[in-house]
Amino acid sequence: MKKPIIALSIPTGIGADKGGYAGDFGHIARKFSEYFYCIVNPNAVNGGILSAINNNMAYLEGYLFDIFFKGDISISPLKKNKRNKIGIIFDCEIPKNILNVHINTINSLKLVQGAKISEIEYTKEPTGVKIIIENNISSGCLKNPDTIIEAARKLIKKGAEAIAIVCYFNEDTEDINYSNAKGIDPIGGVEAIISHLITKTFKIPSAHSPAFKDVDISEKIENPKVASEMISSTYLPCIIQGLDIAPKIHKKNKGKIKNTDVKYLIVPYDAVGSPAVLSCIENNIKIITIKNKTTLNVTPEKLNFKPFMHFESYEECLKEITKIK
């Protein structure tokens, strides 16, 4: 890689002040990508019908992000002008009128952006998404996880190199605090569980997009942090754009980029308990913390380690680390 490699982690479903909403971290990720090749989790760049992803970023789902830093996998950016073949899983419970919106979205992505959406599979059973919020952290579960795995296996046999999953959210997911950019993303946690299911089973890029009961476009001025969701009839565009150029996944050291090639892992100061951070501590990979308030309170002091550097803002961090040769 010509540019130094860093990683930007914005954990999902913990209400990060920057990155806890709808693509509100995207402009920050893009600024870093001007100077570095950035490994990002989908939450850092996804924004409904919008995406901040570019060719200087590696779109790496959360489970893959964690095992990359553990050293279990390595990655290789796609070669110039290459695109992943994307397979899409639709929950069979999605109502036809909502499904039609998603099919129109797929056709638009193919025609306008040339997305290589190769195949579609429908689950044999409803996935049964259940949202759980405990201790101000978003989570959830699936009634029928095996039906997603079965559909993914069929897509991979047909040549899919990345998987997009669209599950039906039959529950009322509206949250006034989140809409006002003051709370946690109520569906972020269960979305992470759904995508983890595929990446853990098949070790290929994946991401999840929810299908709701209604297609609502807001007619009022919303908080800028959630505005991209309020203009989105489906969130498929952002995950397709990410999966389109997601890196190839390899075992251990067979890829072009290994965990030890990463110069810094940059994380919120009070959210350093992730497997990725713990692996960096173990493997002597430098950790930079940023004042970016979340609902967690897992600080370096509580884990008894000192970050390489700490900054009050991402802007200050970028300014300083670009000076380091």
C-alpha atoms as a PDB file:
ATOM      1  CA  MET A   1       0.000   0.000   0.000  1.00  0.00           C
ATOM      2  CA  LYS A   2       1.293   3.463  -0.863  1.00  0.00           C
ATOM      3  CA  LYS A   3      -0.563   5.156   1.989  1.00  0.00           C
ATOM      4  CA  PRO A   4      -0.013   4.268   5.665  1.00  0.00           C
ATOM      5  CA  ILE A   5      -2.767   1.987   6.977  1.00  0.00           C
ATOM      6  CA  ILE A   6      -4.994   2.887   9.916  1.00  0.00           C
ATOM      7  CA  ALA A   7      -8.315   1.601  11.268  1.00  0.00           C
ATOM      8  CA  LEU A   8     -11.319   3.632  12.401  1.00  0.00           C
ATOM      9  CA  SER A   9     -13.707   1.837  14.732  1.00  0.00           C
ATOM     10  CA  ILE A  10     -17.181   3.180  15.508  1.00  0.00           C
ATOM     11  CA  PRO A  11     -18.979   0.429  17.479  1.00  0.00           C
ATOM     12  CA  THR A  12     -22.638  -0.098  16.573  1.00  0.00           C
ATOM     13  CA  GLY A  13     -25.572   0.475  18.916  1.00  0.00           C
ATOM     14  CA  ILE A  14     -23.796   2.364  21.717  1.00  0.00           C
ATOM     15  CA  GLY A  15     -24.870   5.899  20.839  1.00  0.00           C
ATOM     16  CA  ALA A  16     -21.466   7.299  19.876  1.00  0.00           C
ATOM     17  CA  ASP A  17     -21.722  11.085  19.717  1.00  0.00           C
ATOM     18  CA  LYS A  18     -19.932  10.913  16.365  1.00  0.00           C
ATOM     19  CA  GLY A  19     -20.889   7.843  14.343  1.00  0.00           C
ATOM     20  CA  GLY A  20     -23.805   6.624  16.428  1.00  0.00           C
ATOM     21  CA  TYR A  21     -26.477   7.841  14.049  1.00  0.00           C
ATOM     22  CA  ALA A  22     -26.976   7.836  10.266  1.00  0.00           C
ATOM     23  CA  GLY A  23     -23.721   8.261   8.397  1.00  0.00           C
ATOM     24  CA  ASP A  24     -22.701  11.134  10.664  1.00  0.00           C
ATOM     25  CA  PHE A  25     -19.115   9.848  10.841  1.00  0.00           C
ATOM     26  CA  GLY A  26     -18.797   9.556   7.071  1.00  0.00           C
ATOM     27  CA  HIS A  27     -17.251  12.961   6.410  1.00  0.00           C
ATOM     28  CA  ILE A  28     -14.631  12.253   9.095  1.00  0.00           C
ATOM     29  CA  ALA A  29     -13.741   8.875   7.591  1.00  0.00           C
ATOM     30  CA  ARG A  30     -13.380  10.492   4.176  1.00  0.00           C
ATOM     31  CA  LYS A  31     -11.029  13.139   5.542  1.00  0.00           C
ATOM     32  CA  PHE A  32      -8.770  10.473   7.069  1.00  0.00           C
ATOM     33  CA  SER A  33      -8.841   8.538   3.793  1.00  0.00           C
ATOM     34  CA  GLU A  34      -7.189  11.476   2.019  1.00  0.00           C
ATOM     35  CA  TYR A  35      -4.005  10.685   3.956  1.00  0.00           C
ATOM     36  CA  PHE A  36      -4.374   7.019   4.951  1.00  0.00           C
ATOM     37  CA  TYR A  37      -5.787   3.719   3.719  1.00  0.00           C
ATOM     38  CA  CYS A  38      -8.559   3.250   6.271  1.00  0.00           C
ATOM     39  CA  ILE A  39     -10.035  -0.010   7.519  1.00  0.00           C
ATOM     40  CA  VAL A  40     -13.587   0.850   8.586  1.00  0.00           C
ATOM     41  CA  ASN A  41     -16.546  -1.041   9.965  1.00  0.00           C
ATOM     42  CA  PRO A  42     -19.811  -0.466   8.005  1.00  0.00           C
ATOM     43  CA  ASN A  43     -21.267   1.667  10.799  1.00  0.00           C
ATOM     44  CA  ALA A  44     -18.547   4.266  10.165  1.00  0.00           C
ATOM     45  CA  VAL A  45     -19.625   4.965   6.582  1.00  0.00           C
ATOM     46  CA  ASN A  46     -23.210   3.723   6.058  1.00  0.00           C
ATOM     47  CA  GLY A  47     -25.877   6.411   5.669  1.00  0.00           C
ATOM     48  CA  GLY A  48     -29.109   4.974   4.264  1.00  0.00           C
ATOM     49  CA  ILE A  49     -29.229   5.816   0.563  1.00  0.00           C
ATOM     50  CA  LEU A  50     -25.853   7.544   0.984  1.00  0.00           C
ATOM     51  CA  SER A  51     -22.407   6.128   1.663  1.00  0.00           C
ATOM     52  CA  ALA A  52     -19.039   7.666   2.513  1.00  0.00           C
ATOM     53  CA  ILE A  53     -17.092   4.649   1.214  1.00  0.00           C
ATOM     54  CA  ASN A  54     -14.302   5.168  -1.316  1.00  0.00           C
ATOM     55  CA  ASN A  55     -11.374   3.207  -2.741  1.00  0.00           C
ATOM     56  CA  ASN A  56      -9.086   4.307   0.074  1.00  0.00           C
ATOM     57  CA  MET A  57     -11.207   2.373   2.580  1.00  0.00           C
ATOM     58  CA  ALA A  58     -11.584  -1.315   3.408  1.00  0.00           C
ATOM     59  CA  TYR A  59     -15.226  -2.044   4.321  1.00  0.00           C
ATOM     60  CA  LEU A  60     -14.872  -4.748   6.967  1.00  0.00           C
ATOM     61  CA  GLU A  61     -17.885  -6.096   8.872  1.00  0.00           C
ATOM     62  CA  GLY A  62     -17.518  -6.066  12.668  1.00  0.00           C
ATOM     63  CA  TYR A  63     -16.739  -9.759  13.200  1.00  0.00           C
ATOM     64  CA  LEU A  64     -14.152  -9.712  10.405  1.00  0.00           C
ATOM     65  CA  PHE A  65     -12.772  -6.471  11.873  1.00  0.00           C
ATOM     66  CA  ASP A  66     -12.246  -8.229  15.217  1.00  0.00           C
ATOM     67  CA  ILE A  67     -10.637 -11.399  13.874  1.00  0.00           C
ATOM     68  CA  PHE A  68      -8.447  -9.349  11.528  1.00  0.00           C
ATOM     69  CA  PHE A  69      -6.859  -7.682  14.542  1.00  0.00           C
ATOM     70  CA  LYS A  70      -6.616 -11.028  16.281  1.00  0.00           C
ATOM     71  CA  GLY A  71      -4.517 -12.171  13.316  1.00  0.00           C
ATOM     72  CA  ASP A  72      -6.871 -14.938  12.176  1.00  0.00           C
ATOM     73  CA  ILE A  73      -7.387 -13.349   8.746  1.00  0.00           C
ATOM     74  CA  SER A  74      -5.661 -10.910   6.414  1.00  0.00           C
ATOM     75  CA  ILE A  75      -7.161  -8.802   3.626  1.00  0.00           C
ATOM     76  CA  SER A  76      -6.365  -7.643   0.101  1.00  0.00           C
ATOM     77  CA  PRO A  77      -7.932  -4.557  -1.500  1.00  0.00           C
ATOM     78  CA  LEU A  78      -9.634  -5.306  -4.802  1.00  0.00           C
ATOM     79  CA  LYS A  79      -7.523  -4.708  -7.876  1.00  0.00           C
ATOM     80  CA  LYS A  80      -8.268  -1.567  -9.841  1.00  0.00           C
ATOM     81  CA  ASN A  81     -11.598  -1.710 -11.714  1.00  0.00           C
ATOM     82  CA  LYS A  82     -12.615  -4.967  -9.983  1.00  0.00           C
ATOM     83  CA  ARG A  83     -15.967  -5.345  -8.215  1.00  0.00           C
ATOM     84  CA  ASN A  84     -17.371  -8.045  -5.958  1.00  0.00           C
ATOM     85  CA  LYS A  85     -20.249 -10.247  -7.102  1.00  0.00           C
ATOM     86  CA  ILE A  86     -22.939  -9.506  -4.538  1.00  0.00           C
ATOM     87  CA  GLY A  87     -25.703 -11.921  -3.573  1.00  0.00           C
ATOM     88  CA  ILE A  88     -28.772 -10.614  -1.732  1.00  0.00           C
ATOM     89  CA  ILE A  89     -30.851 -12.457   0.852  1.00  0.00           C
ATOM     90  CA  PHE A  90     -34.435 -11.293   1.382  1.00  0.00           C
ATOM     91  CA  ASP A  91     -36.459 -12.322   4.399  1.00  0.00           C
ATOM     92  CA  CYS A  92     -39.498 -14.162   3.011  1.00  0.00           C
ATOM     93  CA  GLU A  93     -41.712 -12.241   5.440  1.00  0.00           C
ATOM     94  CA  ILE A  94     -41.115  -8.882   3.729  1.00  0.00           C
ATOM     95  CA  PRO A  95     -44.484  -7.642   2.330  1.00  0.00           C
ATOM     96  CA  LYS A  96     -44.649  -7.428  -1.453  1.00  0.00           C
ATOM     97  CA  ASN A  97     -45.058  -3.636  -1.592  1.00  0.00           C
ATOM     98  CA  ILE A  98     -41.909  -3.166   0.548  1.00  0.00           C
ATOM     99  CA  LEU A  99     -40.045  -5.840  -1.416  1.00  0.00           C
ATOM    100  CA  ASN A 100     -40.878  -4.021  -4.656  1.00  0.00           C
ATOM    101  CA  VAL A 101     -39.120  -0.895  -3.355  1.00  0.00           C
ATOM    102  CA  HIS A 102     -35.999  -2.990  -2.731  1.00  0.00           C
ATOM    103  CA  ILE A 103     -36.154  -4.609  -6.173  1.00  0.00           C
ATOM    104  CA  ASN A 104     -36.376  -1.148  -7.743  1.00  0.00           C
ATOM    105  CA  THR A 105     -33.364  -0.151  -5.660  1.00  0.00           C
ATOM    106  CA  ILE A 106     -31.369  -3.161  -6.881  1.00  0.00           C
ATOM    107  CA  ASN A 107     -32.201  -2.414 -10.505  1.00  0.00           C
ATOM    108  CA  SER A 108     -31.192   1.217 -10.007  1.00  0.00           C
ATOM    109  CA  LEU A 109     -27.847   0.256  -8.455  1.00  0.00           C
ATOM    110  CA  LYS A 110     -27.152  -2.067 -11.361  1.00  0.00           C
ATOM    111  CA  LEU A 111     -28.055   0.493 -14.004  1.00  0.00           C
ATOM    112  CA  VAL A 112     -26.606   3.665 -12.488  1.00  0.00           C
ATOM    113  CA  GLN A 113     -23.504   2.330 -10.721  1.00  0.00           C
ATOM    114  CA  GLY A 114     -22.932  -0.981 -12.464  1.00  0.00           C
ATOM    115  CA  ALA A 115     -23.230  -2.954  -9.214  1.00  0.00           C
ATOM    116  CA  LYS A 116     -22.614  -6.666  -9.800  1.00  0.00           C
ATOM    117  CA  ILE A 117     -25.666  -7.982  -7.978  1.00  0.00           C
ATOM    118  CA  SER A 118     -25.575 -11.523  -9.276  1.00  0.00           C
ATOM    119  CA  GLU A 119     -28.308 -13.478  -7.497  1.00  0.00           C
ATOM    120  CA  ILE A 120     -31.197 -13.130  -5.039  1.00  0.00           C
ATOM    121  CA  GLU A 121     -32.334 -15.755  -2.527  1.00  0.00           C
ATOM    122  CA  TYR A 122     -35.388 -15.697  -0.278  1.00  0.00           C
ATOM    123  CA  THR A 123     -35.305 -17.345   3.130  1.00  0.00           C
ATOM    124  CA  LYS A 124     -37.456 -20.461   3.470  1.00  0.00           C
ATOM    125  CA  GLU A 125     -38.725 -19.269   6.848  1.00  0.00           C
ATOM    126  CA  PRO A 126     -39.242 -15.812   8.387  1.00  0.00           C
ATOM    127  CA  THR A 127     -36.048 -14.762  10.126  1.00  0.00           C
ATOM    128  CA  GLY A 128     -37.940 -13.570  13.202  1.00  0.00           C
ATOM    129  CA  VAL A 129     -35.987 -10.463  14.172  1.00  0.00           C
ATOM    130  CA  LYS A 130     -36.372  -9.370  17.790  1.00  0.00           C
ATOM    131  CA  ILE A 131     -34.949  -6.082  19.054  1.00  0.00           C
ATOM    132  CA  ILE A 132     -33.562  -5.964  22.591  1.00  0.00           C
ATOM    133  CA  ILE A 133     -32.346  -2.847  24.390  1.00  0.00           C
ATOM    134  CA  GLU A 134     -30.678  -3.388  27.753  1.00  0.00           C
ATOM    135  CA  ASN A 135     -28.533  -1.017  29.810  1.00  0.00           C
ATOM    136  CA  ASN A 136     -28.863   1.573  27.044  1.00  0.00           C
ATOM    137  CA  ILE A 137     -27.177  -0.763  24.526  1.00  0.00           C
ATOM    138  CA  SER A 138     -28.885  -1.993  21.375  1.00  0.00           C
ATOM    139  CA  SER A 139     -28.990  -5.748  20.781  1.00  0.00           C
ATOM    140  CA  GLY A 140     -31.391  -8.460  19.660  1.00  0.00           C
ATOM    141  CA  CYS A 141     -31.809 -12.007  18.360  1.00  0.00           C
ATOM    142  CA  LEU A 142     -33.194 -14.099  15.495  1.00  0.00           C
ATOM    143  CA  LYS A 143     -35.818 -16.811  15.757  1.00  0.00           C
ATOM    144  CA  ASN A 144     -34.533 -18.667  12.674  1.00  0.00           C
ATOM    145  CA  PRO A 145     -30.829 -17.923  12.045  1.00  0.00           C
ATOM    146  CA  ASP A 146     -30.347 -21.146  10.069  1.00  0.00           C
ATOM    147  CA  THR A 147     -32.671 -19.929   7.309  1.00  0.00           C
ATOM    148  CA  ILE A 148     -30.241 -17.057   6.573  1.00  0.00           C
ATOM    149  CA  ILE A 149     -27.246 -19.396   6.565  1.00  0.00           C
ATOM    150  CA  GLU A 150     -29.014 -21.726   4.129  1.00  0.00           C
ATOM    151  CA  ALA A 151     -29.788 -18.861   1.742  1.00  0.00           C
ATOM    152  CA  ALA A 152     -26.213 -17.568   1.961  1.00  0.00           C
ATOM    153  CA  ARG A 153     -24.812 -21.018   1.192  1.00  0.00           C
ATOM    154  CA  LYS A 154     -26.901 -21.148  -1.995  1.00  0.00           C
ATOM    155  CA  LEU A 155     -25.665 -17.712  -3.070  1.00  0.00           C
ATOM    156  CA  ILE A 156     -22.033 -18.629  -2.490  1.00  0.00           C
ATOM    157  CA  LYS A 157     -22.459 -21.790  -4.571  1.00  0.00           C
ATOM    158  CA  LYS A 158     -23.737 -19.543  -7.353  1.00  0.00           C
ATOM    159  CA  GLY A 159     -20.587 -17.406  -7.179  1.00  0.00           C
ATOM    160  CA  ALA A 160     -21.423 -14.643  -4.699  1.00  0.00           C
ATOM    161  CA  GLU A 161     -18.308 -13.014  -3.225  1.00  0.00           C
ATOM    162  CA  ALA A 162     -20.181 -10.795  -0.763  1.00  0.00           C
ATOM    163  CA  ILE A 163     -23.602 -11.062   0.864  1.00  0.00           C
ATOM    164  CA  ALA A 164     -26.212  -8.387   1.548  1.00  0.00           C
ATOM    165  CA  ILE A 165     -28.968  -9.401   3.961  1.00  0.00           C
ATOM    166  CA  VAL A 166     -32.377  -7.718   4.203  1.00  0.00           C
ATOM    167  CA  CYS A 167     -34.453  -8.832   7.192  1.00  0.00           C
ATOM    168  CA  TYR A 168     -37.987  -7.728   7.992  1.00  0.00           C
ATOM    169  CA  PHE A 169     -38.451  -5.537  11.074  1.00  0.00           C
ATOM    170  CA  ASN A 170     -42.091  -6.021  11.978  1.00  0.00           C
ATOM    171  CA  GLU A 171     -41.710  -4.185  15.302  1.00  0.00           C
ATOM    172  CA  ASP A 172     -42.156  -0.446  15.740  1.00  0.00           C
ATOM    173  CA  THR A 173     -38.562   0.790  15.677  1.00  0.00           C
ATOM    174  CA  GLU A 174     -39.276   4.501  15.981  1.00  0.00           C
ATOM    175  CA  ASP A 175     -37.341   6.120  18.819  1.00  0.00           C
ATOM    176  CA  ILE A 176     -37.866   9.808  19.510  1.00  0.00           C
ATOM    177  CA  ASN A 177     -34.526  10.168  21.286  1.00  0.00           C
ATOM    178  CA  TYR A 178     -32.633   8.628  18.365  1.00  0.00           C
ATOM    179  CA  SER A 179     -34.589  10.781  15.906  1.00  0.00           C
ATOM    180  CA  ASN A 180     -33.394  13.819  17.858  1.00  0.00           C
ATOM    181  CA  ALA A 181     -29.797  12.486  17.833  1.00  0.00           C
ATOM    182  CA  LYS A 182     -29.774  11.965  21.590  1.00  0.00           C
ATOM    183  CA  GLY A 183     -30.155   8.204  21.956  1.00  0.00           C
ATOM    184  CA  ILE A 184     -28.879   4.907  20.641  1.00  0.00           C
ATOM    185  CA  ASP A 185     -29.700   3.328  17.293  1.00  0.00           C
ATOM    186  CA  PRO A 186     -32.440   0.847  18.351  1.00  0.00           C
ATOM    187  CA  ILE A 187     -31.715  -1.604  15.505  1.00  0.00           C
ATOM    188  CA  GLY A 188     -27.917  -1.299  15.261  1.00  0.00           C
ATOM    189  CA  GLY A 189     -27.177  -4.122  17.690  1.00  0.00           C
ATOM    190  CA  VAL A 190     -29.366  -6.766  16.073  1.00  0.00           C
ATOM    191  CA  GLU A 191     -28.126  -5.712  12.629  1.00  0.00           C
ATOM    192  CA  ALA A 192     -24.589  -6.467  13.785  1.00  0.00           C
ATOM    193  CA  ILE A 193     -25.716  -9.890  15.025  1.00  0.00           C
ATOM    194  CA  ILE A 194     -27.255 -10.673  11.618  1.00  0.00           C
ATOM    195  CA  SER A 195     -24.141  -9.742   9.636  1.00  0.00           C
ATOM    196  CA  HIS A 196     -21.869 -11.511  12.167  1.00  0.00           C
ATOM    197  CA  LEU A 197     -23.824 -14.698  11.478  1.00  0.00           C
ATOM    198  CA  ILE A 198     -22.760 -14.708   7.831  1.00  0.00           C
ATOM    199  CA  THR A 199     -19.175 -13.528   8.234  1.00  0.00           C
ATOM    200  CA  LYS A 200     -18.506 -15.948  11.075  1.00  0.00           C
ATOM    201  CA  THR A 201     -19.900 -18.877   9.083  1.00  0.00           C
ATOM    202  CA  PHE A 202     -18.455 -18.130   5.637  1.00  0.00           C
ATOM    203  CA  LYS A 203     -15.614 -15.586   6.164  1.00  0.00           C
ATOM    204  CA  ILE A 204     -16.805 -13.332   3.333  1.00  0.00           C
ATOM    205  CA  PRO A 205     -17.879  -9.663   3.399  1.00  0.00           C
ATOM    206  CA  SER A 206     -21.463  -9.090   4.451  1.00  0.00           C
ATOM    207  CA  ALA A 207     -23.717  -6.314   5.708  1.00  0.00           C
ATOM    208  CA  HIS A 208     -27.354  -5.952   6.733  1.00  0.00           C
ATOM    209  CA  SER A 209     -30.091  -3.564   5.632  1.00  0.00           C
ATOM    210  CA  PRO A 210     -33.469  -3.462   7.422  1.00  0.00           C
ATOM    211  CA  ALA A 211     -36.860  -3.626   5.706  1.00  0.00           C
ATOM    212  CA  PHE A 212     -39.545  -1.837   7.696  1.00  0.00           C
ATOM    213  CA  LYS A 213     -43.328  -2.090   7.658  1.00  0.00           C
ATOM    214  CA  ASP A 214     -43.688   1.320   6.048  1.00  0.00           C
ATOM    215  CA  VAL A 215     -41.724   3.403   3.588  1.00  0.00           C
ATOM    216  CA  ASP A 216     -41.592   6.779   5.301  1.00  0.00           C
ATOM    217  CA  ILE A 217     -39.870   9.864   3.898  1.00  0.00           C
ATOM    218  CA  SER A 218     -39.858  12.754   6.343  1.00  0.00           C
ATOM    219  CA  GLU A 219     -41.392  16.031   5.217  1.00  0.00           C
ATOM    220  CA  LYS A 220     -39.938  18.088   8.057  1.00  0.00           C
ATOM    221  CA  ILE A 221     -36.431  19.316   8.784  1.00  0.00           C
ATOM    222  CA  GLU A 222     -34.686  16.634  10.840  1.00  0.00           C
ATOM    223  CA  ASN A 223     -31.531  16.635  12.934  1.00  0.00           C
ATOM    224  CA  PRO A 224     -28.609  16.464  10.445  1.00  0.00           C
ATOM    225  CA  LYS A 225     -27.217  13.398  12.264  1.00  0.00           C
ATOM    226  CA  VAL A 226     -30.243  11.313  11.251  1.00  0.00           C
ATOM    227  CA  ALA A 227     -31.287  13.150   8.085  1.00  0.00           C
ATOM    228  CA  SER A 228     -29.909  10.528   5.689  1.00  0.00           C
ATOM    229  CA  GLU A 229     -32.191   7.873   7.204  1.00  0.00           C
ATOM    230  CA  MET A 230     -35.165  10.196   6.989  1.00  0.00           C
ATOM    231  CA  ILE A 231     -34.769  10.492   3.204  1.00  0.00           C
ATOM    232  CA  SER A 232     -34.190   6.762   2.678  1.00  0.00           C
ATOM    233  CA  SER A 233     -36.932   4.383   1.575  1.00  0.00           C
ATOM    234  CA  THR A 234     -34.406   1.544   1.860  1.00  0.00           C
ATOM    235  CA  TYR A 235     -30.881   1.342   3.280  1.00  0.00           C
ATOM    236  CA  LEU A 236     -29.660  -1.071   0.591  1.00  0.00           C
ATOM    237  CA  PRO A 237     -27.654   1.529  -1.388  1.00  0.00           C
ATOM    238  CA  CYS A 238     -25.077   2.179   1.321  1.00  0.00           C
ATOM    239  CA  ILE A 239     -24.347  -1.497   2.015  1.00  0.00           C
ATOM    240  CA  ILE A 240     -24.210  -2.425  -1.671  1.00  0.00           C
ATOM    241  CA  GLN A 241     -21.697   0.365  -2.290  1.00  0.00           C
ATOM    242  CA  GLY A 242     -19.595  -0.887   0.625  1.00  0.00           C
ATOM    243  CA  LEU A 243     -19.745  -4.554  -0.387  1.00  0.00           C
ATOM    244  CA  ASP A 244     -19.058  -3.604  -3.996  1.00  0.00           C
ATOM    245  CA  ILE A 245     -15.409  -2.814  -3.163  1.00  0.00           C
ATOM    246  CA  ALA A 246     -14.981  -4.718   0.112  1.00  0.00           C
ATOM    247  CA  PRO A 247     -11.549  -6.395   0.382  1.00  0.00           C
ATOM    248  CA  LYS A 248     -10.886 -10.057  -0.254  1.00  0.00           C
ATOM    249  CA  ILE A 249     -10.583 -12.156   2.903  1.00  0.00           C
ATOM    250  CA  HIS A 250      -7.630 -14.526   3.343  1.00  0.00           C
ATOM    251  CA  LYS A 251      -6.412 -16.891   6.027  1.00  0.00           C
ATOM    252  CA  LYS A 252      -3.822 -15.417   8.400  1.00  0.00           C
ATOM    253  CA  ASN A 253      -0.878 -13.968   6.463  1.00  0.00           C
ATOM    254  CA  LYS A 254      -1.869 -14.750   2.869  1.00  0.00           C
ATOM    255  CA  GLY A 255      -3.360 -11.333   2.110  1.00  0.00           C
ATOM    256  CA  LYS A 256      -1.589  -8.088   1.312  1.00  0.00           C
ATOM    257  CA  ILE A 257      -2.575  -6.444   4.607  1.00  0.00           C
ATOM    258  CA  LYS A 258      -2.069  -8.081   8.011  1.00  0.00           C
ATOM    259  CA  ASN A 259      -2.989  -6.735  11.416  1.00  0.00           C
ATOM    260  CA  THR A 260       0.639  -5.792  12.099  1.00  0.00           C
ATOM    261  CA  ASP A 261       0.597  -3.554   8.999  1.00  0.00           C
ATOM    262  CA  VAL A 262      -1.867  -1.209  10.705  1.00  0.00           C
ATOM    263  CA  LYS A 263      -0.201   1.874  12.088  1.00  0.00           C
ATOM    264  CA  TYR A 264      -3.028   2.920  14.447  1.00  0.00           C
ATOM    265  CA  LEU A 265      -6.430   1.721  15.608  1.00  0.00           C
ATOM    266  CA  ILE A 266      -8.512   4.801  16.435  1.00  0.00           C
ATOM    267  CA  VAL A 267     -11.423   4.287  18.863  1.00  0.00           C
ATOM    268  CA  PRO A 268     -13.706   6.260  21.205  1.00  0.00           C
ATOM    269  CA  TYR A 269     -12.066   6.767  24.613  1.00  0.00           C
ATOM    270  CA  ASP A 270     -14.845   5.120  26.640  1.00  0.00           C
ATOM    271  CA  ALA A 271     -15.365   2.135  24.297  1.00  0.00           C
ATOM    272  CA  VAL A 272     -12.052   0.271  24.370  1.00  0.00           C
ATOM    273  CA  GLY A 273     -13.354  -3.123  25.436  1.00  0.00           C
ATOM    274  CA  SER A 274     -13.852  -4.587  21.960  1.00  0.00           C
ATOM    275  CA  PRO A 275     -12.039  -7.737  20.812  1.00  0.00           C
ATOM    276  CA  ALA A 276     -10.185  -5.608  18.240  1.00  0.00           C
ATOM    277  CA  VAL A 277      -8.771  -3.307  20.907  1.00  0.00           C
ATOM    278  CA  LEU A 278      -7.819  -6.187  23.187  1.00  0.00           C
ATOM    279  CA  SER A 279      -6.027  -7.897  20.286  1.00  0.00           C
ATOM    280  CA  CYS A 280      -4.144  -4.683  19.519  1.00  0.00           C
ATOM    281  CA  ILE A 281      -2.963  -4.500  23.110  1.00  0.00           C
ATOM    282  CA  GLU A 282      -1.774  -8.100  22.906  1.00  0.00           C
ATOM    283  CA  ASN A 283      -0.058  -7.587  19.538  1.00  0.00           C
ATOM    284  CA  ASN A 284       1.507  -4.200  20.358  1.00  0.00           C
ATOM    285  CA  ILE A 285      -0.520  -2.325  17.734  1.00  0.00           C
ATOM    286  CA  LYS A 286      -0.796   1.357  18.651  1.00  0.00           C
ATOM    287  CA  ILE A 287      -4.189   2.514  19.912  1.00  0.00           C
ATOM    288  CA  ILE A 288      -5.334   6.118  19.667  1.00  0.00           C
ATOM    289  CA  THR A 289      -8.357   7.195  21.693  1.00  0.00           C
ATOM    290  CA  ILE A 290     -10.694  10.079  20.885  1.00  0.00           C
ATOM    291  CA  LYS A 291     -13.128  11.951  23.084  1.00  0.00           C
ATOM    292  CA  ASN A 292     -16.312  10.631  21.467  1.00  0.00           C
ATOM    293  CA  LYS A 293     -18.891   9.936  24.145  1.00  0.00           C
ATOM    294  CA  THR A 294     -20.805   6.646  24.043  1.00  0.00           C
ATOM    295  CA  THR A 295     -23.185   4.881  26.435  1.00  0.00           C
ATOM    296  CA  LEU A 296     -20.297   2.678  27.579  1.00  0.00           C
ATOM    297  CA  ASN A 297     -17.748   3.442  30.259  1.00  0.00           C
ATOM    298  CA  VAL A 298     -14.904   1.115  29.304  1.00  0.00           C
ATOM    299  CA  THR A 299     -11.848   3.365  29.479  1.00  0.00           C
ATOM    300  CA  PRO A 300      -8.111   2.584  29.165  1.00  0.00           C
ATOM    301  CA  GLU A 301      -7.759   3.076  32.911  1.00  0.00           C
ATOM    302  CA  LYS A 302     -10.262   0.310  33.581  1.00  0.00           C
ATOM    303  CA  LEU A 303      -8.316  -2.055  31.337  1.00  0.00           C
ATOM    304  CA  ASN A 304      -5.011  -0.895  32.784  1.00  0.00           C
ATOM    305  CA  PHE A 305      -3.349   0.253  29.578  1.00  0.00           C
ATOM    306  CA  LYS A 306      -2.229   3.601  28.230  1.00  0.00           C
ATOM    307  CA  PRO A 307      -3.133   4.542  24.654  1.00  0.00           C
ATOM    308  CA  PHE A 308      -0.359   5.648  22.337  1.00  0.00           C
ATOM    309  CA  MET A 309      -2.090   9.044  22.044  1.00  0.00           C
ATOM    310  CA  HIS A 310      -5.365  10.663  23.076  1.00  0.00           C
ATOM    311  CA  PHE A 311      -7.124  13.559  21.355  1.00  0.00           C
ATOM    312  CA  GLU A 312     -10.111  15.740  22.116  1.00  0.00           C
ATOM    313  CA  SER A 313     -11.375  15.490  18.540  1.00  0.00           C
ATOM    314  CA  TYR A 314     -10.887  13.558  15.307  1.00  0.00           C
ATOM    315  CA  GLU A 315      -9.791  16.758  13.610  1.00  0.00           C
ATOM    316  CA  GLU A 316      -7.008  17.258  16.144  1.00  0.00           C
ATOM    317  CA  CYS A 317      -5.998  13.616  15.766  1.00  0.00           C
ATOM    318  CA  LEU A 318      -5.758  13.832  11.976  1.00  0.00           C
ATOM    319  CA  LYS A 319      -3.727  17.014  12.151  1.00  0.00           C
ATOM    320  CA  GLU A 320      -1.181  15.432  14.481  1.00  0.00           C
ATOM    321  CA  ILE A 321      -0.812  11.948  13.017  1.00  0.00           C
ATOM    322  CA  THR A 322      -0.237  13.277   9.519  1.00  0.00           C
ATOM    323  CA  LYS A 323       2.914  14.919  10.915  1.00  0.00           C
ATOM    324  CA  ILE A 324       4.338  11.583  12.059  1.00  0.00           C
ATOM    325  CA  LYS A 325       6.489   9.938   9.423  1.00  0.00           C
END
